[in-house]
N, C-alpha and C. Protein backbone atom coordinates (compact mmCIF):
# COMPACT_ATOMS: atom_id res chain seq x y z
N MET A 1 7.43 -11.93 -19.43
CA MET A 1 6.84 -10.26 -19.50
C MET A 1 7.20 -9.09 -18.63
N VAL A 2 7.69 -8.22 -19.41
CA VAL A 2 8.39 -7.40 -18.04
C VAL A 2 7.81 -6.18 -17.75
N ASP A 3 7.98 -5.69 -16.42
CA ASP A 3 6.68 -4.50 -15.81
C ASP A 3 7.12 -3.69 -16.00
N LYS A 4 6.22 -1.92 -16.54
CA LYS A 4 7.24 -0.54 -16.58
C LYS A 4 7.28 -0.40 -15.37
N VAL A 5 8.29 0.70 -15.11
CA VAL A 5 8.42 1.63 -14.21
C VAL A 5 7.53 2.57 -14.05
N CYS A 6 7.11 2.87 -12.94
CA CYS A 6 6.54 4.45 -13.34
C CYS A 6 7.28 5.71 -13.27
N LEU A 7 6.95 6.36 -14.62
CA LEU A 7 7.77 7.11 -15.18
C LEU A 7 7.36 8.44 -14.82
N HIS A 8 6.92 8.82 -13.54
CA HIS A 8 6.39 9.75 -13.44
C HIS A 8 6.62 10.51 -11.97
N LYS A 9 7.99 9.89 -11.36
CA LYS A 9 8.04 9.89 -9.95
C LYS A 9 9.36 11.36 -10.31
N ASP A 10 9.39 12.01 -10.91
CA ASP A 10 10.08 13.26 -11.16
C ASP A 10 9.44 14.51 -10.79
N GLN A 11 7.97 13.98 -10.97
CA GLN A 11 7.18 14.89 -10.85
C GLN A 11 6.72 15.54 -9.05
N ILE A 12 7.32 14.07 -8.03
CA ILE A 12 7.40 13.95 -6.69
C ILE A 12 8.00 15.53 -6.40
N LYS A 13 6.89 16.00 -5.30
CA LYS A 13 7.02 17.55 -4.70
C LYS A 13 7.41 17.06 -2.94
N ASP A 14 8.59 18.17 -2.37
CA ASP A 14 8.67 17.39 -1.30
C ASP A 14 7.85 18.67 -0.07
N PHE A 15 6.75 17.85 0.20
CA PHE A 15 5.87 19.06 0.79
C PHE A 15 6.15 18.74 2.23
N SER A 16 5.39 19.43 2.93
CA SER A 16 5.19 19.07 4.34
C SER A 16 3.93 18.07 4.19
N GLN A 17 4.10 16.60 4.77
CA GLN A 17 2.72 15.61 5.12
C GLN A 17 1.61 16.03 5.82
N LYS A 18 0.63 15.87 5.55
CA LYS A 18 -0.74 16.98 6.45
C LYS A 18 -0.81 15.77 7.56
N GLU A 19 -1.41 16.03 8.70
CA GLU A 19 -2.15 15.48 9.34
C GLU A 19 -3.11 15.52 9.97
N ILE A 20 -4.51 15.40 8.03
CA ILE A 20 -4.92 15.04 8.06
C ILE A 20 -5.94 13.63 8.47
N THR A 21 -6.72 13.46 9.48
CA THR A 21 -7.03 12.55 9.34
C THR A 21 -8.30 11.66 9.24
N VAL A 22 -9.11 12.76 7.86
CA VAL A 22 -10.60 13.17 7.64
C VAL A 22 -10.41 13.35 6.02
N CYS A 23 -11.64 12.96 5.31
CA CYS A 23 -11.66 13.83 3.70
C CYS A 23 -12.69 14.30 4.09
N GLU A 24 -12.34 15.61 3.82
CA GLU A 24 -12.87 16.85 4.01
C GLU A 24 -13.68 17.48 3.25
N GLU A 25 -13.45 16.80 1.68
CA GLU A 25 -14.45 16.84 1.09
C GLU A 25 -15.51 15.63 0.80
N CYS A 26 -15.56 14.63 1.80
CA CYS A 26 -17.02 13.90 2.25
C CYS A 26 -17.12 14.30 3.28
N ILE A 27 -17.08 14.89 4.03
CA ILE A 27 -17.43 15.61 5.33
C ILE A 27 -18.27 17.25 4.79
N LYS A 28 -17.58 17.62 3.71
CA LYS A 28 -18.88 19.35 3.58
C LYS A 28 -20.52 17.95 2.69
N VAL A 29 -19.90 17.21 2.00
CA VAL A 29 -21.48 16.22 1.63
C VAL A 29 -21.90 15.39 2.80
N GLY A 30 -21.45 15.22 3.85
CA GLY A 30 -21.61 14.32 4.52
C GLY A 30 -21.88 13.15 4.65
N ASP A 31 -21.08 12.65 3.85
CA ASP A 31 -20.56 10.99 3.74
C ASP A 31 -19.48 10.53 4.20
N ALA A 32 -19.50 9.62 4.43
CA ALA A 32 -18.45 8.41 5.14
C ALA A 32 -17.40 8.10 4.17
N TRP A 33 -16.36 7.54 4.41
CA TRP A 33 -14.68 6.82 3.31
C TRP A 33 -14.10 6.22 4.35
N VAL A 34 -13.47 5.26 3.38
CA VAL A 34 -13.35 3.76 3.38
C VAL A 34 -11.47 4.07 4.26
N ASN A 35 -10.75 4.67 3.47
CA ASN A 35 -9.69 4.95 3.46
C ASN A 35 -8.72 6.21 2.67
N LEU A 36 -7.94 7.07 3.22
CA LEU A 36 -7.38 8.06 2.74
C LEU A 36 -5.89 7.90 1.57
N ARG A 37 -6.26 8.41 0.92
CA ARG A 37 -5.09 8.50 -0.26
C ARG A 37 -4.75 10.39 -0.36
N GLN A 38 -3.14 10.83 0.10
CA GLN A 38 -2.93 11.36 -0.38
C GLN A 38 -1.75 12.24 -1.79
N CYS A 39 -1.94 13.09 -1.97
CA CYS A 39 -1.69 13.15 -3.71
C CYS A 39 0.15 13.63 -3.18
N PHE A 40 1.15 13.25 -4.04
CA PHE A 40 2.78 13.41 -3.78
C PHE A 40 2.59 14.85 -4.44
N ILE A 41 2.17 14.90 -5.52
CA ILE A 41 2.82 15.94 -5.75
C ILE A 41 2.11 17.79 -5.11
N CYS A 42 1.13 17.69 -4.90
CA CYS A 42 0.42 19.19 -3.83
C CYS A 42 -0.17 18.66 -2.35
N GLY A 43 0.11 17.14 -2.21
CA GLY A 43 -0.66 17.05 -0.57
C GLY A 43 -1.74 17.11 -0.38
N HIS A 44 -2.71 17.45 -1.50
CA HIS A 44 -4.20 16.73 -1.48
C HIS A 44 -4.87 15.74 -0.43
N VAL A 45 -5.86 15.53 0.29
CA VAL A 45 -6.11 14.52 1.26
C VAL A 45 -7.20 13.79 0.28
N GLY A 46 -7.67 12.87 0.20
CA GLY A 46 -9.11 12.41 -0.82
C GLY A 46 -9.24 10.93 -0.71
N CYS A 47 -10.72 11.00 -0.37
CA CYS A 47 -10.43 8.75 0.01
C CYS A 47 -10.51 8.49 -1.22
N CYS A 48 -10.63 6.88 -1.21
CA CYS A 48 -10.09 5.64 -1.93
C CYS A 48 -11.18 5.02 -2.43
N ASP A 49 -10.58 4.63 -3.54
CA ASP A 49 -12.24 4.47 -4.83
C ASP A 49 -12.66 2.96 -3.24
N SER A 50 -12.51 2.18 -2.58
CA SER A 50 -13.40 2.14 -2.25
C SER A 50 -14.91 2.49 -1.45
N SER A 51 -14.27 4.59 -1.29
CA SER A 51 -15.34 4.93 -0.88
C SER A 51 -16.39 5.39 -1.70
N LYS A 52 -17.13 5.79 -1.43
CA LYS A 52 -18.77 6.41 -2.14
C LYS A 52 -18.18 7.34 -2.89
N ASN A 53 -17.27 8.48 -2.36
CA ASN A 53 -16.83 9.68 -3.41
C ASN A 53 -15.49 9.51 -4.49
N LYS A 54 -14.78 8.62 -3.63
CA LYS A 54 -13.50 8.55 -4.79
C LYS A 54 -12.87 10.36 -5.16
N HIS A 55 -12.55 10.40 -3.93
CA HIS A 55 -12.17 11.72 -4.28
C HIS A 55 -10.67 11.95 -4.51
N ALA A 56 -10.06 10.91 -3.85
CA ALA A 56 -8.47 11.29 -4.80
C ALA A 56 -8.38 11.18 -5.85
N THR A 57 -9.11 9.71 -6.74
CA THR A 57 -9.35 9.77 -8.21
C THR A 57 -9.91 11.17 -8.53
N LYS A 58 -10.73 11.54 -8.56
CA LYS A 58 -11.48 12.30 -8.95
C LYS A 58 -10.10 14.03 -8.95
N HIS A 59 -9.57 14.15 -7.73
CA HIS A 59 -8.61 14.56 -7.81
C HIS A 59 -7.33 14.42 -9.21
N PHE A 60 -6.86 13.18 -8.90
CA PHE A 60 -6.46 13.16 -10.14
C PHE A 60 -7.19 13.42 -11.59
N LYS A 61 -8.14 13.38 -11.92
CA LYS A 61 -8.97 13.60 -13.08
C LYS A 61 -9.14 14.68 -12.95
N ALA A 62 -8.80 15.82 -12.09
CA ALA A 62 -9.02 17.45 -12.27
C ALA A 62 -7.96 17.95 -12.64
N THR A 63 -6.54 17.26 -11.95
CA THR A 63 -5.52 18.35 -11.70
C THR A 63 -4.50 17.61 -12.40
N LYS A 64 -4.44 15.98 -13.13
CA LYS A 64 -3.77 15.48 -13.40
C LYS A 64 -2.18 14.94 -12.93
N HIS A 65 -2.83 14.87 -11.35
CA HIS A 65 -1.50 14.72 -10.42
C HIS A 65 -1.21 13.20 -10.46
N PRO A 66 -0.46 12.89 -10.69
CA PRO A 66 -0.27 11.13 -11.02
C PRO A 66 0.13 10.59 -9.74
N ILE A 67 0.80 10.56 -9.00
CA ILE A 67 1.15 9.64 -7.76
C ILE A 67 0.21 10.37 -6.28
N MET A 68 0.18 9.03 -6.03
CA MET A 68 -0.57 9.20 -4.41
C MET A 68 -0.20 8.20 -3.84
N LYS A 69 -0.06 8.56 -2.35
CA LYS A 69 0.29 7.81 -1.17
C LYS A 69 -1.18 7.58 -0.17
N SER A 70 -0.97 5.90 0.40
CA SER A 70 -1.93 5.69 1.48
C SER A 70 -1.37 6.91 2.66
N VAL A 71 -2.30 7.42 3.41
CA VAL A 71 -2.69 7.80 4.25
C VAL A 71 -3.24 7.14 5.76
N THR A 72 -3.51 5.50 5.06
CA THR A 72 -4.29 4.76 6.61
C THR A 72 -2.81 4.26 6.73
N PRO A 73 -3.28 3.93 8.51
CA PRO A 73 -2.18 3.47 8.95
C PRO A 73 -1.84 2.01 8.55
N GLY A 74 -1.03 1.01 8.40
CA GLY A 74 -0.80 -0.07 8.17
C GLY A 74 -0.60 -0.39 7.18
N GLU A 75 -0.74 0.62 5.90
CA GLU A 75 -0.58 0.82 4.53
C GLU A 75 0.30 1.91 4.17
N GLU A 76 1.62 1.04 3.38
CA GLU A 76 2.42 1.60 2.80
C GLU A 76 2.59 1.32 1.07
N PHE A 77 2.38 2.26 0.58
CA PHE A 77 2.42 1.98 -0.94
C PHE A 77 2.04 3.36 -1.50
N THR A 78 2.51 3.73 -2.58
CA THR A 78 2.27 4.53 -3.62
C THR A 78 1.46 3.85 -4.41
N TRP A 79 0.86 4.95 -5.65
CA TRP A 79 0.53 4.84 -6.49
C TRP A 79 0.46 5.63 -7.91
N CYS A 80 0.59 5.08 -8.96
CA CYS A 80 0.33 6.03 -10.35
C CYS A 80 -0.47 5.74 -10.57
N TYR A 81 -1.34 6.91 -11.24
CA TYR A 81 -2.25 6.74 -11.98
C TYR A 81 -2.70 6.60 -13.45
N VAL A 82 -1.25 6.94 -13.78
CA VAL A 82 -0.93 7.04 -15.20
C VAL A 82 -0.18 5.47 -15.74
N ASP A 83 0.27 4.70 -14.89
CA ASP A 83 0.97 4.33 -15.28
C ASP A 83 0.03 2.66 -14.61
N THR A 84 -0.70 3.35 -14.03
CA THR A 84 -1.70 1.98 -13.17
C THR A 84 -0.73 0.59 -12.27
N LYS A 85 0.41 1.72 -11.48
CA LYS A 85 1.33 1.03 -10.91
C LYS A 85 1.14 1.33 -9.40
N CYS A 86 1.18 0.13 -8.64
CA CYS A 86 1.45 -0.17 -6.65
C CYS A 86 2.91 -0.30 -6.46
N THR A 87 3.47 0.51 -6.09
CA THR A 87 4.35 0.30 -5.43
C THR A 87 4.76 0.87 -3.45
N SER A 88 6.11 0.61 -2.71
CA SER A 88 6.03 1.21 -1.88
C SER A 88 7.64 1.52 -2.31
N SER A 89 8.40 1.77 -3.27
CA SER A 89 9.47 2.98 -3.15
C SER A 89 9.94 4.23 -3.05
N PHE A 90 9.19 4.82 -2.38
CA PHE A 90 9.28 6.49 -1.72
C PHE A 90 8.80 5.37 0.07
N TYR A 91 9.84 6.70 0.19
CA TYR A 91 9.26 6.45 2.21
C TYR A 91 9.11 8.00 2.31
N ILE A 92 8.72 8.64 4.07
CA ILE A 92 8.58 9.43 4.51
C ILE A 92 9.46 9.77 5.50
N LYS A 93 10.04 10.25 6.03
CA LYS A 93 11.05 10.69 7.10
C LYS A 93 10.84 12.22 7.61
N ASN A 94 10.52 12.49 9.17
CA ASN A 94 9.92 14.03 9.34
C ASN A 94 9.09 14.31 8.99
N SER A 95 7.68 13.62 8.22
CA SER A 95 7.47 14.22 6.92
C SER A 95 7.66 14.94 5.66
N HIS A 96 7.92 14.05 5.24
CA HIS A 96 9.39 14.69 4.20
C HIS A 96 9.31 13.49 3.13
N ILE A 97 9.01 13.46 1.77
CA ILE A 97 9.76 13.03 1.07
C ILE A 97 11.81 12.56 0.94
N VAL A 98 12.19 11.92 1.84
CA VAL A 98 13.32 11.59 1.37
C VAL A 98 14.28 10.66 0.49
N SER A 99 13.76 9.19 0.25
CA SER A 99 14.56 8.44 -0.74
C SER A 99 13.71 8.18 -1.49
N GLN A 100 14.35 6.68 -2.48
CA GLN A 100 13.74 6.45 -2.65
C GLN A 100 14.23 4.63 -2.61
N ARG A 101 13.70 3.31 -2.32
CA ARG A 101 13.82 2.11 -2.06
C ARG A 101 13.58 1.53 -3.22
N GLU A 102 14.42 0.37 -3.41
CA GLU A 102 14.89 -0.22 -4.38
C GLU A 102 13.10 -0.81 -4.87
N PRO A 103 12.80 -0.50 -6.21
CA PRO A 103 10.83 -0.47 -6.32
C PRO A 103 10.74 -2.24 -6.13
N SER A 104 9.38 -1.64 -5.82
CA SER A 104 8.28 -3.21 -5.81
C SER A 104 7.39 -3.01 -6.33
N ILE A 105 7.33 -3.13 -7.94
CA ILE A 105 6.09 -2.62 -8.89
C ILE A 105 5.23 -3.68 -8.71
N PHE A 106 3.59 -3.81 -8.64
CA PHE A 106 2.93 -4.41 -8.55
C PHE A 106 1.58 -4.36 -9.35
N VAL A 107 1.49 -4.49 -10.33
CA VAL A 107 0.08 -4.61 -10.84
C VAL A 107 -0.81 -5.04 -10.63
N GLY A 108 -2.14 -4.00 -10.44
CA GLY A 108 -3.30 -3.95 -9.53
C GLY A 108 -3.90 -2.80 -9.60
N THR A 109 -5.08 -2.94 -9.14
CA THR A 109 -6.32 -1.50 -8.73
C THR A 109 -5.72 -1.14 -6.99
N THR A 110 -6.00 0.08 -6.75
CA THR A 110 -5.79 0.08 -5.41
C THR A 110 -7.34 0.93 -4.89
N THR A 111 -7.62 0.65 -3.89
CA THR A 111 -8.70 0.81 -3.28
C THR A 111 -8.26 2.34 -2.29
């Protein structure tokens, strides 16, 4: 079986990486979060699917922005909601997406 590759990489924007260390939507409702995810299209930061509110996924459902990345220290992956692929093929330098590594694609779910 051949894994399909994310077909949405061309939608990634060159945005300044936000230095947000909280889920602002969770703060507004007084809830906690587990990990944070950042949208690769607009830079929105929301909580992961292991969190009660799942704000990163809610952002995808509302905007259809397909690709996000973990902003949790020690986690380096991107996730395409549409292709349901987890990959470490993008990297950040000086707060900007600058290149792609050779794709390393995994099938699975993200937290």
